Amino acid sequence: MEANRTNTVEEEANCSIPKGGPIYISNLISPLTSVPEFQNSVLRLLQELEAELDSPQLAESEDICVDNLKILKEEELVEMALKEAFKEDEHVENASEGLENGSNSGYHTRSRKEHAVENASTSVEPSNGCPGNDLDGAATDRKNGSKKQKRRRMTDRHIEDTYIKKVDELAKIKQKQDEDKATAKLHALNAISKISEGSIPSSDKIERMKSLRFTSSSGKAKSADVREHIPVLYPETILCVEVYHNIRKWSKVQEFLVLGRQTLTELKDKICCLTDQVMQKAGRYDPSGYFLIEDIFFNDLRDPCAVDYSEPIFDWLRNSPDDAMKKWESIITGELQQKQRSVLGSVTPSRLPHFKAADMHKTQFCDFRFQLGARYLYCHQGDCKHTIVIRDMRSIHPDDVQNRAAYPIMIFQLKPRVQKCSVCKITRASKVTLDDKWARENPCYFCDYCYSLLHSKDESPLYGEFSVFDYLHE
């Protein structure tokens, strides 16, 4: 018994989340996968399903009634029970009417025979003037009335028994549904507890499970934005890619639907960052950048003036392996576990991954392996870093946009926060000042008109003991 119990506990511990999602849990990361592996798995599942549907065993098996799998509400169960009870009630009433008609006809036949016998007897025997015939008729009527009452009582009792039986069946169905619901809730709670104990790292704030909405591209791409039409090649896969803020790391700023055969540069050109706009306005825009996905640096070297950002990192890895090892351990274990390792020692030393470099414009999403839900890095403009998450991957369907030129499709854009002029409180601010002695706030926001009124006269500045910058948005 103990061995069986141990085996049962181990099987429950190793069971996975039941399918029925999609369910998204933060910090839950899938194993390493790729677009070709996903397409092959989908194709294999479809082939197995077709083989199962075409199997002779399924053809010979009995048909499955969908009504048996349907979860009925209490009102539907009561209505079904009443309909069946009324049907049986009508059947019983029809049967009782038939019995009554038959008994009445038998009674009339017997009464005619008895009447004939009585007439014959009266013709043989002379009457003495006694009222015997009247008494016999009254007794016969009372006997017939008592028989009718008995039949009615039997019919009422049968109907009552039928209703009681239906109510018992309804109670059993309701009890069975309550047990199924309780079992399903218990199974779900067990699965969640196992995931929270084993898969999700412990933290002070445990986020709730939330449903992952279906990411569809229908209606997202406007025809005016896309000038050409390039048909999508099948089979094709759609990836949902999220981009997070460079400072507020928890804030998602954009979300895209990308095709598996698209290059990484097509996604990079769609990412909108305030740093790009500031550097472009200042005339110091840098076209360089890279994606760090798993152990590969994908560098953007399309522009002749672009710089390989990964080269200094490779030099540091070659020249300072000890520092690189400490940095890598702090990244993968965290600061607290790093301090515990320094005190207790490390049993299994970690190893640095073998980093590689590749060209971004020559790499498609189907050319490398990744983990769904893992955090990857996007770096541009020198040191502006964003977190990139490949959240979902699915096959394309007819409701999606069938024009390859429309992808990547932006399905989410964080609305930028814009400050108004601190003076007029009406116009959108275009400049911001720091350490301005005549400003009421620090920093203080101005529109062009208010700034010129307070800081210049005849196009010459009134004073210069402050710093002024162009303001776009936050």
Protein backbone atom coordinates (compact mmCIF):
# COMPACT_ATOMS: atom_id res chain seq x y z
CA MET A 1 0.00 0.00 0.00
CA GLU A 2 2.82 2.42 0.86
CA ALA A 3 4.59 1.67 -2.42
CA ASN A 4 1.39 2.32 -4.38
CA ARG A 5 0.83 5.56 -2.46
CA THR A 6 4.41 6.65 -3.19
CA ASN A 7 3.97 5.93 -6.89
CA THR A 8 0.71 7.89 -6.94
CA VAL A 9 2.33 10.89 -5.24
CA GLU A 10 5.21 10.82 -7.72
CA GLU A 11 2.83 10.66 -10.69
CA GLU A 12 0.83 13.61 -9.34
CA ALA A 13 4.03 15.59 -8.79
CA ASN A 14 5.18 14.96 -12.35
CA CYS A 15 1.84 15.72 -14.03
CA SER A 16 1.71 18.82 -16.20
CA ILE A 17 -0.88 21.58 -16.42
CA PRO A 18 -4.05 20.27 -18.07
CA LYS A 19 -4.56 21.64 -21.55
CA GLY A 20 -7.35 24.15 -21.89
CA GLY A 21 -5.60 27.51 -21.81
CA PRO A 22 -4.09 29.65 -22.95
CA ILE A 23 -2.83 30.55 -19.49
CA TYR A 24 0.00 33.00 -18.86
CA ILE A 25 1.99 32.92 -15.64
CA SER A 26 4.76 35.47 -15.22
CA ASN A 27 8.28 34.04 -14.96
CA LEU A 28 7.13 30.77 -16.51
CA ILE A 29 9.51 29.98 -19.37
CA SER A 30 9.16 27.28 -22.00
CA PRO A 31 12.00 24.95 -23.03
CA LEU A 32 14.22 25.84 -25.95
CA THR A 33 12.27 25.69 -29.18
CA SER A 34 12.27 27.10 -32.69
CA VAL A 35 9.83 27.89 -35.47
CA PRO A 36 10.65 24.76 -37.55
CA GLU A 37 10.20 22.54 -34.48
CA PHE A 38 6.83 24.12 -33.80
CA GLN A 39 5.70 23.64 -37.40
CA ASN A 40 6.85 20.00 -37.38
CA SER A 41 5.01 19.33 -34.11
CA VAL A 42 1.79 20.86 -35.48
CA LEU A 43 2.12 18.80 -38.68
CA ARG A 44 2.76 15.64 -36.69
CA LEU A 45 -0.27 16.26 -34.47
CA LEU A 46 -2.48 16.80 -37.52
CA GLN A 47 -1.22 13.58 -39.10
CA GLU A 48 -1.87 11.65 -35.89
CA LEU A 49 -5.36 13.12 -35.69
CA GLU A 50 -6.13 12.17 -39.30
CA ALA A 51 -4.83 8.64 -38.69
CA GLU A 52 -6.97 8.36 -35.57
CA LEU A 53 -10.07 9.57 -37.38
CA ASP A 54 -9.46 7.12 -40.24
CA SER A 55 -8.77 4.16 -37.96
CA PRO A 56 -11.19 1.17 -38.23
CA GLN A 57 -11.56 1.01 -34.45
CA LEU A 58 -13.06 4.49 -34.38
CA ALA A 59 -15.41 3.58 -37.27
CA GLU A 60 -16.62 0.45 -35.44
CA SER A 61 -17.01 2.18 -32.10
CA GLU A 62 -20.31 3.55 -30.94
CA ASP A 63 -21.18 7.17 -31.57
CA ILE A 64 -20.40 9.52 -28.74
CA CYS A 65 -23.36 11.56 -27.59
CA VAL A 66 -22.38 15.15 -26.95
CA ASP A 67 -25.32 15.62 -24.59
CA ASN A 68 -23.68 13.28 -22.12
CA LEU A 69 -20.66 15.60 -21.94
CA LYS A 70 -22.69 18.78 -21.56
CA ILE A 71 -22.87 20.41 -18.12
CA LEU A 72 -26.50 21.35 -17.54
CA LYS A 73 -27.74 24.14 -15.34
CA GLU A 74 -30.23 23.57 -12.52
CA GLU A 75 -33.04 25.23 -14.48
CA GLU A 76 -32.41 22.96 -17.47
CA LEU A 77 -32.40 19.86 -15.28
CA VAL A 78 -35.69 20.84 -13.63
CA GLU A 79 -37.27 21.54 -17.01
CA MET A 80 -36.14 18.18 -18.41
CA ALA A 81 -37.41 16.32 -15.34
CA LEU A 82 -40.81 18.04 -15.51
CA LYS A 83 -41.18 17.29 -19.23
CA GLU A 84 -40.50 13.60 -18.67
CA ALA A 85 -42.85 13.52 -15.68
CA PHE A 86 -45.64 15.15 -17.69
CA LYS A 87 -45.13 12.63 -20.50
CA GLU A 88 -45.45 9.73 -18.07
CA ASP A 89 -48.40 11.45 -16.42
CA GLU A 90 -50.23 11.67 -19.76
CA HIS A 91 -49.40 8.03 -20.46
CA VAL A 92 -50.80 6.97 -17.06
CA GLU A 93 -53.94 9.05 -17.54
CA ASN A 94 -54.55 7.52 -20.96
CA ALA A 95 -54.06 4.06 -19.52
CA SER A 96 -56.39 4.79 -16.61
CA GLU A 97 -59.05 6.14 -18.97
CA GLY A 98 -58.74 2.98 -21.02
CA LEU A 99 -59.14 0.88 -17.90
CA GLU A 100 -62.16 2.89 -16.81
CA ASN A 101 -63.79 2.56 -20.22
CA GLY A 102 -63.08 -1.14 -20.24
CA SER A 103 -64.41 -1.61 -16.72
CA ASN A 104 -67.47 0.46 -17.48
CA SER A 105 -68.21 -1.60 -20.57
CA GLY A 106 -67.72 -4.76 -18.54
CA TYR A 107 -69.96 -3.37 -15.86
CA HIS A 108 -72.67 -2.55 -18.39
CA THR A 109 -72.39 -6.03 -19.87
CA ARG A 110 -72.61 -7.64 -16.46
CA SER A 111 -75.50 -5.36 -15.49
CA ARG A 112 -77.38 -6.30 -18.65
CA LYS A 113 -76.84 -9.99 -17.92
CA GLU A 114 -77.87 -9.57 -14.28
CA HIS A 115 -80.90 -7.56 -15.37
CA ALA A 116 -81.92 -10.30 -17.77
CA VAL A 117 -81.50 -12.94 -15.05
CA GLU A 118 -83.50 -10.83 -12.61
CA ASN A 119 -86.28 -10.39 -15.16
CA ALA A 120 -86.33 -14.08 -15.78
CA SER A 121 -86.48 -14.81 -12.06
CA THR A 122 -89.27 -12.32 -11.50
CA SER A 123 -91.25 -13.90 -14.29
CA VAL A 124 -90.90 -17.35 -12.66
CA GLU A 125 -91.32 -16.29 -9.00
CA PRO A 126 -94.22 -14.03 -8.06
CA SER A 127 -93.26 -10.84 -6.26
CA ASN A 128 -94.30 -10.50 -2.62
CA GLY A 129 -94.30 -6.70 -2.74
CA CYS A 130 -90.80 -6.39 -1.05
CA PRO A 131 -88.43 -3.69 -2.20
CA GLY A 132 -85.56 -6.14 -2.82
CA ASN A 133 -84.82 -4.98 -6.32
CA ASP A 134 -84.25 -1.37 -5.18
CA LEU A 135 -81.85 -2.41 -2.43
CA ASP A 136 -79.82 -4.55 -4.84
CA GLY A 137 -79.46 -1.61 -7.29
CA ALA A 138 -78.28 0.76 -4.53
CA ALA A 139 -75.70 -1.77 -3.33
CA THR A 140 -74.42 -2.21 -6.88
CA ASP A 141 -74.03 1.57 -7.31
CA ARG A 142 -72.08 1.86 -4.03
CA LYS A 143 -69.79 -0.98 -5.12
CA ASN A 144 -69.09 0.71 -8.46
CA GLY A 145 -68.39 4.06 -6.77
CA SER A 146 -65.90 2.50 -4.35
CA LYS A 147 -64.08 0.81 -7.24
CA LYS A 148 -63.75 4.15 -9.08
CA GLN A 149 -62.35 5.83 -5.96
CA LYS A 150 -59.84 3.03 -5.53
CA ARG A 151 -58.72 3.38 -9.13
CA ARG A 152 -58.36 7.15 -8.73
CA ARG A 153 -56.34 6.72 -5.54
CA MET A 154 -54.11 4.19 -7.29
CA THR A 155 -53.60 6.58 -10.22
CA ASP A 156 -52.76 9.49 -7.91
CA ARG A 157 -50.35 7.31 -5.95
CA HIS A 158 -48.66 6.19 -9.18
CA ILE A 159 -48.28 9.83 -10.36
CA GLU A 160 -46.87 10.84 -6.97
CA ASP A 161 -44.38 7.97 -7.08
CA THR A 162 -43.35 9.07 -10.59
CA TYR A 163 -42.71 12.65 -9.46
CA ILE A 164 -40.75 11.47 -6.42
CA LYS A 165 -38.65 9.22 -8.65
CA LYS A 166 -37.89 12.12 -11.02
CA VAL A 167 -36.95 14.37 -8.11
CA ASP A 168 -34.57 11.69 -6.81
CA GLU A 169 -32.97 11.39 -10.25
CA LEU A 170 -32.62 15.19 -10.41
CA ALA A 171 -30.97 15.23 -6.99
CA LYS A 172 -28.51 12.52 -8.05
CA ILE A 173 -27.58 14.43 -11.24
CA LYS A 174 -27.10 17.64 -9.23
CA GLN A 175 -24.93 15.83 -6.69
CA LYS A 176 -22.82 14.31 -9.47
CA GLN A 177 -22.27 17.74 -11.05
CA ASP A 178 -21.27 19.24 -7.69
CA GLU A 179 -18.75 16.42 -7.19
CA ASP A 180 -17.32 16.99 -10.69
CA LYS A 181 -16.97 20.72 -10.05
CA ALA A 182 -15.25 20.11 -6.71
CA THR A 183 -12.87 17.61 -8.32
CA ALA A 184 -12.02 20.05 -11.11
CA LYS A 185 -11.36 22.88 -8.63
CA LEU A 186 -9.18 20.63 -6.48
CA HIS A 187 -7.20 19.48 -9.53
CA ALA A 188 -6.66 23.07 -10.66
CA LEU A 189 -5.55 24.19 -7.19
CA ASN A 190 -3.12 21.28 -6.94
CA ALA A 191 -1.64 22.13 -10.33
CA ILE A 192 -1.27 25.81 -9.39
CA SER A 193 0.38 24.96 -6.07
CA LYS A 194 2.83 22.59 -7.75
CA ILE A 195 3.72 25.23 -10.33
CA SER A 196 4.19 27.92 -7.70
CA GLU A 197 6.41 25.62 -5.62
CA GLY A 198 8.51 24.14 -8.43
CA SER A 199 8.50 26.24 -11.59
CA ILE A 200 8.02 29.83 -10.45
CA PRO A 201 10.84 31.37 -8.40
CA SER A 202 9.81 32.69 -5.01
CA SER A 203 9.32 36.43 -4.72
CA ASP A 204 7.71 38.92 -2.37
CA LYS A 205 4.96 39.72 -4.85
CA ILE A 206 3.25 36.71 -6.42
CA GLU A 207 1.20 37.75 -9.42
CA ARG A 208 -2.10 36.11 -10.21
CA MET A 209 -2.64 33.83 -13.16
CA LYS A 210 -4.34 35.67 -15.97
CA SER A 211 -5.72 34.52 -19.27
CA LEU A 212 -3.58 35.26 -22.28
CA ARG A 213 -5.77 37.00 -24.83
CA PHE A 214 -5.82 35.68 -28.37
CA THR A 215 -3.51 37.84 -30.46
CA SER A 216 -5.17 38.32 -33.79
CA SER A 217 -4.02 40.61 -36.56
CA SER A 218 -7.39 41.05 -38.21
CA GLY A 219 -8.30 44.69 -38.58
CA LYS A 220 -4.97 45.94 -37.25
CA ALA A 221 -3.22 46.84 -40.51
CA LYS A 222 -4.63 49.72 -42.50
CA SER A 223 -4.60 49.52 -46.27
CA ALA A 224 -3.25 53.10 -46.48
CA ASP A 225 -0.16 52.12 -44.48
CA VAL A 226 0.77 49.25 -46.84
CA ARG A 227 1.38 50.18 -50.46
CA GLU A 228 2.32 46.78 -51.89
CA HIS A 229 0.89 43.32 -51.53
CA ILE A 230 3.17 40.30 -51.01
CA PRO A 231 1.35 36.99 -50.48
CA VAL A 232 2.21 34.97 -47.40
CA LEU A 233 3.99 31.67 -48.05
CA TYR A 234 2.56 28.63 -46.27
CA PRO A 235 3.19 27.09 -43.84
CA GLU A 236 3.81 30.26 -41.84
CA THR A 237 4.09 30.97 -38.12
CA ILE A 238 3.21 34.15 -36.22
CA LEU A 239 5.21 35.20 -33.16
CA CYS A 240 3.99 37.70 -30.57
CA VAL A 241 6.93 39.91 -29.49
CA GLU A 242 6.76 42.39 -26.60
CA VAL A 243 9.05 45.40 -26.10
CA TYR A 244 9.51 46.96 -22.64
CA HIS A 245 10.60 50.42 -21.50
CA ASN A 246 14.29 51.19 -21.20
CA ILE A 247 13.96 52.70 -17.68
CA ARG A 248 10.67 51.34 -16.34
CA LYS A 249 11.58 47.73 -17.01
CA TRP A 250 8.15 46.44 -15.96
CA SER A 251 6.24 48.68 -18.41
CA LYS A 252 5.41 47.24 -21.82
CA VAL A 253 5.52 49.90 -24.52
CA GLN A 254 4.89 47.94 -27.74
CA GLU A 255 3.70 44.55 -28.95
CA PHE A 256 4.09 43.15 -32.46
CA LEU A 257 2.98 40.18 -34.55
CA VAL A 258 5.98 38.98 -36.56
CA LEU A 259 6.19 36.28 -39.22
CA GLY A 260 8.64 33.43 -38.78
CA ARG A 261 10.30 34.17 -42.15
CA GLN A 262 10.92 37.84 -41.38
CA THR A 263 14.34 39.20 -40.49
CA LEU A 264 15.24 40.76 -37.16
CA THR A 265 15.91 44.11 -38.82
CA GLU A 266 12.26 44.33 -39.88
CA LEU A 267 11.30 44.21 -36.20
CA LYS A 268 14.06 46.66 -35.19
CA ASP A 269 12.85 49.26 -37.69
CA LYS A 270 9.36 49.14 -36.14
CA ILE A 271 10.47 49.63 -32.53
CA CYS A 272 9.83 53.23 -31.43
CA CYS A 273 11.97 54.69 -28.63
CA LEU A 274 12.26 58.23 -27.33
CA THR A 275 16.06 57.95 -27.33
CA ASP A 276 16.05 57.53 -31.12
CA GLN A 277 13.99 60.70 -31.53
CA VAL A 278 16.19 62.71 -29.16
CA MET A 279 19.42 61.57 -30.81
CA GLN A 280 17.99 62.21 -34.26
CA LYS A 281 16.94 65.72 -33.29
CA ALA A 282 20.37 66.35 -31.81
CA GLY A 283 22.05 65.14 -35.00
CA ARG A 284 23.81 62.26 -33.24
CA TYR A 285 21.69 59.34 -34.39
CA ASP A 286 23.50 55.99 -34.33
CA PRO A 287 22.11 53.24 -36.65
CA SER A 288 23.93 50.50 -34.73
CA GLY A 289 22.29 48.02 -32.36
CA TYR A 290 21.98 44.36 -31.47
CA PHE A 291 19.60 41.70 -30.18
CA LEU A 292 21.01 39.28 -27.59
CA ILE A 293 18.92 36.11 -27.85
CA GLU A 294 20.23 33.10 -25.90
CA ASP A 295 23.99 33.13 -26.69
CA ILE A 296 23.97 34.99 -30.03
CA PHE A 297 24.56 38.71 -30.64
CA PHE A 298 22.60 39.76 -33.74
CA ASN A 299 24.26 43.01 -34.86
CA ASP A 300 22.73 45.59 -37.19
CA LEU A 301 25.52 46.40 -39.65
CA ARG A 302 23.47 47.57 -42.62
CA ASP A 303 24.75 51.12 -42.46
CA PRO A 304 28.42 51.66 -43.39
CA CYS A 305 28.77 53.89 -40.33
CA ALA A 306 27.36 51.24 -37.99
CA VAL A 307 29.52 49.95 -35.13
CA ASP A 308 29.68 46.35 -33.92
CA TYR A 309 28.49 46.70 -30.32
CA SER A 310 29.37 43.09 -29.50
CA GLU A 311 33.09 43.40 -30.29
CA PRO A 312 34.04 45.16 -26.99
CA ILE A 313 32.03 42.52 -25.12
CA PHE A 314 33.96 39.70 -26.80
CA ASP A 315 37.23 41.46 -25.98
CA TRP A 316 36.21 41.70 -22.32
CA LEU A 317 35.27 38.00 -22.25
CA ARG A 318 38.66 37.07 -23.67
CA ASN A 319 40.75 39.41 -21.52
CA SER A 320 38.89 39.19 -18.19
CA PRO A 321 37.44 35.68 -17.83
CA ASP A 322 37.24 35.84 -14.01
CA ASP A 323 35.29 39.09 -13.97
CA ALA A 324 33.07 37.77 -16.74
CA MET A 325 32.43 34.60 -14.71
CA LYS A 326 31.45 36.58 -11.60
CA LYS A 327 29.16 38.80 -13.64
CA TRP A 328 27.52 35.78 -15.27
CA GLU A 329 26.91 34.08 -11.91
CA SER A 330 25.37 37.23 -10.49
CA ILE A 331 23.07 37.42 -13.52
CA ILE A 332 21.85 33.82 -13.39
CA THR A 333 21.68 33.41 -9.58
CA GLY A 334 20.92 36.87 -8.24
CA GLU A 335 22.67 39.00 -5.63
CA LEU A 336 21.38 37.12 -2.57
CA GLN A 337 22.34 33.67 -3.84
CA GLN A 338 25.72 35.05 -4.89
CA LYS A 339 26.41 36.10 -1.28
CA GLN A 340 25.28 32.67 -0.03
CA ARG A 341 27.65 30.99 -2.47
CA SER A 342 30.55 33.11 -1.23
CA VAL A 343 29.86 31.88 2.33
CA LEU A 344 28.81 28.27 1.76
CA GLY A 345 30.72 27.57 -1.42
CA SER A 346 29.47 26.32 -4.78
CA VAL A 347 29.03 22.60 -5.43
CA THR A 348 28.34 22.82 -9.17
CA PRO A 349 30.24 25.72 -10.74
CA SER A 350 28.45 27.34 -13.65
CA ARG A 351 30.02 27.83 -17.05
CA LEU A 352 30.00 30.76 -19.38
CA PRO A 353 28.01 30.18 -22.55
CA HIS A 354 29.85 30.17 -25.84
CA PHE A 355 28.70 33.50 -27.25
CA LYS A 356 28.56 34.02 -30.99
CA ALA A 357 27.82 36.91 -33.35
CA ALA A 358 25.61 37.07 -36.46
CA ASP A 359 24.26 39.69 -38.83
CA MET A 360 20.79 40.92 -37.96
CA HIS A 361 19.69 41.62 -41.53
CA LYS A 362 20.64 38.08 -42.62
CA THR A 363 18.84 36.26 -39.78
CA GLN A 364 15.19 35.29 -39.76
CA PHE A 365 13.16 34.32 -36.70
CA CYS A 366 13.07 30.74 -37.94
CA ASP A 367 16.89 30.52 -37.96
CA PHE A 368 17.57 30.44 -34.20
CA ARG A 369 16.28 28.82 -31.02
CA PHE A 370 14.55 30.69 -28.21
CA GLN A 371 12.37 30.26 -25.15
CA LEU A 372 8.82 31.53 -24.96
CA GLY A 373 8.46 33.92 -22.03
CA ALA A 374 12.22 34.45 -21.57
CA ARG A 375 13.67 37.96 -21.34
CA TYR A 376 16.09 38.91 -24.12
CA LEU A 377 17.98 42.14 -24.75
CA TYR A 378 17.71 44.86 -27.37
CA CYS A 379 20.43 47.56 -27.25
CA HIS A 380 20.67 50.68 -29.43
CA GLN A 381 22.02 54.25 -29.32
CA GLY A 382 25.06 53.18 -27.35
CA ASP A 383 23.52 52.16 -24.01
CA CYS A 384 19.72 52.29 -24.37
CA LYS A 385 18.57 48.79 -23.40
CA HIS A 386 15.12 47.24 -23.70
CA THR A 387 13.76 43.88 -22.63
CA ILE A 388 12.35 41.76 -25.48
CA VAL A 389 9.98 38.86 -24.78
CA ILE A 390 8.70 36.37 -27.37
CA ARG A 391 5.41 35.71 -25.65
CA ASP A 392 3.51 33.42 -28.02
CA MET A 393 3.87 31.39 -31.21
CA ARG A 394 1.05 30.00 -33.37
CA SER A 395 0.21 29.05 -36.94
CA ILE A 396 -1.30 31.66 -39.23
CA HIS A 397 -5.02 31.31 -39.97
CA PRO A 398 -7.38 32.85 -42.55
CA ASP A 399 -8.49 35.66 -40.19
CA ASP A 400 -4.95 37.07 -40.09
CA VAL A 401 -3.67 39.64 -42.54
CA GLN A 402 -2.49 37.74 -45.61
CA ASN A 403 -0.12 40.47 -46.81
CA ARG A 404 3.50 39.87 -45.83
CA ALA A 405 4.34 43.55 -46.41
CA ALA A 406 2.03 44.52 -43.52
CA TYR A 407 4.14 42.67 -40.95
CA PRO A 408 5.37 43.28 -38.29
CA ILE A 409 1.93 44.46 -37.17
CA MET A 410 1.82 46.59 -34.02
CA ILE A 411 -1.12 45.42 -31.87
CA PHE A 412 -0.24 47.47 -28.77
CA GLN A 413 1.31 50.92 -28.26
CA LEU A 414 1.64 52.56 -24.87
CA LYS A 415 0.11 56.01 -25.01
CA PRO A 416 2.89 58.54 -24.31
CA ARG A 417 2.48 60.99 -21.49
CA VAL A 418 2.79 64.62 -22.61
CA GLN A 419 3.29 67.63 -20.33
CA LYS A 420 1.49 70.92 -20.95
CA CYS A 421 3.08 74.34 -20.66
CA SER A 422 3.51 75.30 -17.00
CA VAL A 423 2.64 78.95 -17.82
CA CYS A 424 -0.43 78.91 -20.06
CA LYS A 425 -1.60 75.39 -19.11
CA ILE A 426 -3.05 75.01 -22.62
CA THR A 427 -0.39 74.35 -25.23
CA ARG A 428 1.73 71.22 -25.36
CA ALA A 429 5.24 71.80 -23.96
CA SER A 430 8.16 71.89 -26.39
CA LYS A 431 11.01 72.89 -24.04
CA VAL A 432 12.06 72.03 -20.50
CA THR A 433 14.40 74.08 -18.29
CA LEU A 434 16.53 73.07 -15.32
CA ASP A 435 17.71 75.40 -12.52
CA ASP A 436 15.74 78.31 -13.98
CA LYS A 437 15.65 81.09 -11.35
CA TRP A 438 12.48 82.70 -12.77
CA ALA A 439 10.57 79.43 -13.09
CA ARG A 440 8.20 78.25 -10.38
CA GLU A 441 9.10 74.60 -10.87
CA ASN A 442 12.28 72.65 -11.47
CA PRO A 443 12.18 71.23 -14.08
CA CYS A 444 9.75 73.59 -15.74
CA TYR A 445 7.94 73.01 -19.05
CA PHE A 446 7.28 75.74 -21.63
CA CYS A 447 5.67 76.07 -25.02
CA ASP A 448 7.58 78.07 -27.65
CA TYR A 449 5.54 81.24 -27.17
CA CYS A 450 5.73 81.36 -23.37
CA TYR A 451 9.42 80.50 -23.41
CA SER A 452 10.21 83.36 -25.79
CA LEU A 453 8.21 85.84 -23.68
CA LEU A 454 10.00 84.99 -20.44
CA HIS A 455 13.54 84.27 -21.61
CA SER A 456 14.30 86.51 -24.61
CA LYS A 457 13.81 90.06 -25.87
CA ASP A 458 14.33 90.97 -29.51
CA GLU A 459 15.71 87.44 -30.08
CA SER A 460 18.43 87.95 -27.43
CA PRO A 461 18.37 85.96 -24.16
CA LEU A 462 17.60 87.89 -20.97
CA TYR A 463 19.79 85.63 -18.81
CA GLY A 464 21.57 82.33 -19.23
CA GLU A 465 21.95 80.81 -15.74
CA PHE A 466 19.88 77.73 -16.62
CA SER A 467 19.82 74.70 -18.90
CA VAL A 468 17.21 74.25 -21.64
CA PHE A 469 16.38 71.12 -23.60
CA ASP A 470 13.90 70.16 -26.27
CA TYR A 471 10.91 68.26 -24.90
CA LEU A 472 9.04 65.56 -26.82
CA HIS A 473 7.14 63.30 -24.40
CA GLU A 474 7.72 60.99 -21.47
